[in-house]
Amino acid sequence: NAAAGLQMGLMQCSGGAPAVPGVIRIFPAWDLNNNAQFELWARDGFKVGAACENGEITDFEITSTLGKECRIHNPFDGKLVISDGNNISEYTGDTIVFNTEVNKVYSIKKA
């Protein structure tokens, strides 16, 4: 139970029901003043690596192992930028949705 509680503080990925696509949320229940770093698996084959330092979430990465559509809750105020090494896209809003390719790494940072 302790490990499950720790993971829920660092990252959550739920759509609210089994058939609803999950939304990745990083540090949803974590005091950002406590520095932390993790690499955890989310629904639909996404490996998420993120860190928080000095009260802020730093850039983070999502690796797609299945090439499915990715949904993330925007952890930053305002715009964020997603780069796959070849393309860079800016997004705004609370929930960001983007298509992924198998075994591709997506870097996400504040715009």
Protein backbone atom coordinates (compact mmCIF):
# COMPACT_ATOMS: atom_id res chain seq x y z
CA ASN A 1 0.00 0.00 0.00
CA ALA A 2 2.86 2.40 0.69
CA ALA A 3 4.25 1.99 -2.83
CA ALA A 4 0.82 2.55 -4.38
CA GLY A 5 0.32 5.69 -2.30
CA LEU A 6 3.73 7.02 -3.30
CA GLN A 7 3.03 6.40 -6.98
CA MET A 8 -0.36 8.14 -6.73
CA GLY A 9 1.37 11.20 -5.30
CA LEU A 10 3.95 11.28 -8.09
CA MET A 11 1.82 10.33 -11.10
CA GLN A 12 -1.75 9.36 -11.89
CA CYS A 13 -3.28 8.15 -15.14
CA SER A 14 -7.02 7.64 -15.03
CA GLY A 15 -9.93 8.46 -17.25
CA GLY A 16 -12.43 7.98 -14.45
CA ALA A 17 -13.81 4.72 -15.88
CA PRO A 18 -12.27 1.62 -17.47
CA ALA A 19 -13.29 2.49 -21.05
CA VAL A 20 -12.34 6.17 -20.83
CA PRO A 21 -8.83 7.12 -22.06
CA GLY A 22 -6.43 7.96 -19.25
CA VAL A 23 -4.99 11.42 -18.65
CA ILE A 24 -1.42 11.49 -17.31
CA ARG A 25 -1.02 13.83 -14.34
CA ILE A 26 2.44 14.40 -12.89
CA PHE A 27 2.88 15.35 -9.24
CA PRO A 28 -0.91 15.62 -8.66
CA ALA A 29 -0.63 15.06 -4.90
CA TRP A 30 2.97 15.98 -4.18
CA ASP A 31 4.38 18.95 -2.29
CA LEU A 32 6.62 20.42 -5.01
CA ASN A 33 8.88 21.90 -2.32
CA ASN A 34 10.04 18.33 -1.69
CA ASN A 35 12.36 17.62 -4.61
CA ALA A 36 11.54 14.34 -6.36
CA GLN A 37 12.31 12.43 -9.53
CA PHE A 38 10.57 9.39 -10.97
CA GLU A 39 10.21 7.09 -13.94
CA LEU A 40 6.86 5.27 -13.92
CA TRP A 41 4.56 3.48 -16.33
CA ALA A 42 1.18 4.95 -17.29
CA ARG A 43 -1.81 3.42 -19.10
CA ASP A 44 -1.55 2.67 -22.82
CA GLY A 45 2.18 1.91 -22.79
CA PHE A 46 3.62 5.28 -21.79
CA LYS A 47 6.79 5.52 -19.69
CA VAL A 48 6.90 8.87 -17.91
CA GLY A 49 10.03 10.44 -16.43
CA ALA A 50 9.69 13.68 -14.48
CA ALA A 51 11.26 15.73 -11.70
CA CYS A 52 10.41 18.66 -9.49
CA GLU A 53 13.04 20.94 -7.98
CA ASN A 54 12.73 23.98 -5.74
CA GLY A 55 8.94 24.12 -5.99
CA GLU A 56 8.64 23.70 -9.76
CA ILE A 57 8.12 20.85 -12.20
CA THR A 58 11.05 20.64 -14.59
CA ASP A 59 10.98 19.48 -18.20
CA PHE A 60 9.82 15.88 -18.49
CA GLU A 61 9.67 13.03 -21.01
CA ILE A 62 7.12 10.54 -22.18
CA THR A 63 8.17 7.47 -24.14
CA SER A 64 5.46 5.81 -26.23
CA THR A 65 5.87 2.04 -26.50
CA LEU A 66 2.57 1.36 -28.29
CA GLY A 67 2.08 4.46 -30.47
CA LYS A 68 -1.27 5.42 -28.98
CA GLU A 69 -2.83 8.84 -28.50
CA CYS A 70 -1.38 10.53 -25.40
CA ARG A 71 -3.36 12.73 -23.03
CA ILE A 72 -1.61 14.79 -20.38
CA HIS A 73 -2.80 17.32 -17.87
CA ASN A 74 -0.83 20.55 -18.42
CA PRO A 75 1.30 20.93 -15.26
CA PHE A 76 2.46 24.41 -16.25
CA ASP A 77 0.66 27.74 -16.23
CA GLY A 78 0.01 28.60 -19.87
CA LYS A 79 1.67 27.05 -22.91
CA LEU A 80 3.80 23.96 -23.11
CA VAL A 81 6.05 22.70 -25.89
CA ILE A 82 6.32 19.08 -27.02
CA SER A 83 9.28 17.94 -29.10
CA ASP A 84 9.86 14.50 -30.60
CA GLY A 85 13.37 15.30 -31.83
CA ASN A 86 12.13 16.28 -35.29
CA ASN A 87 9.01 18.36 -34.67
CA ILE A 88 8.13 20.98 -32.06
CA SER A 89 4.52 21.87 -31.23
CA GLU A 90 3.02 24.37 -28.78
CA TYR A 91 -0.16 23.59 -26.85
CA THR A 92 -2.43 25.45 -24.44
CA GLY A 93 -5.25 24.26 -22.23
CA ASP A 94 -5.70 21.99 -19.24
CA THR A 95 -5.64 18.67 -21.13
CA ILE A 96 -3.21 18.22 -24.01
CA VAL A 97 -3.86 15.46 -26.57
CA PHE A 98 -1.29 14.42 -29.17
CA ASN A 99 -0.56 11.42 -31.38
CA THR A 100 2.54 9.33 -30.74
CA GLU A 101 4.67 6.82 -32.60
CA VAL A 102 6.02 3.52 -31.29
CA ASN A 103 9.29 3.86 -29.32
CA LYS A 104 9.47 7.62 -29.75
CA VAL A 105 10.45 9.94 -26.88
CA TYR A 106 8.53 13.18 -26.39
CA SER A 107 10.18 15.98 -24.40
CA ILE A 108 7.77 18.36 -22.71
CA LYS A 109 8.65 21.74 -21.28
CA LYS A 110 7.13 25.06 -20.32
CA ALA A 111 6.91 27.47 -23.27
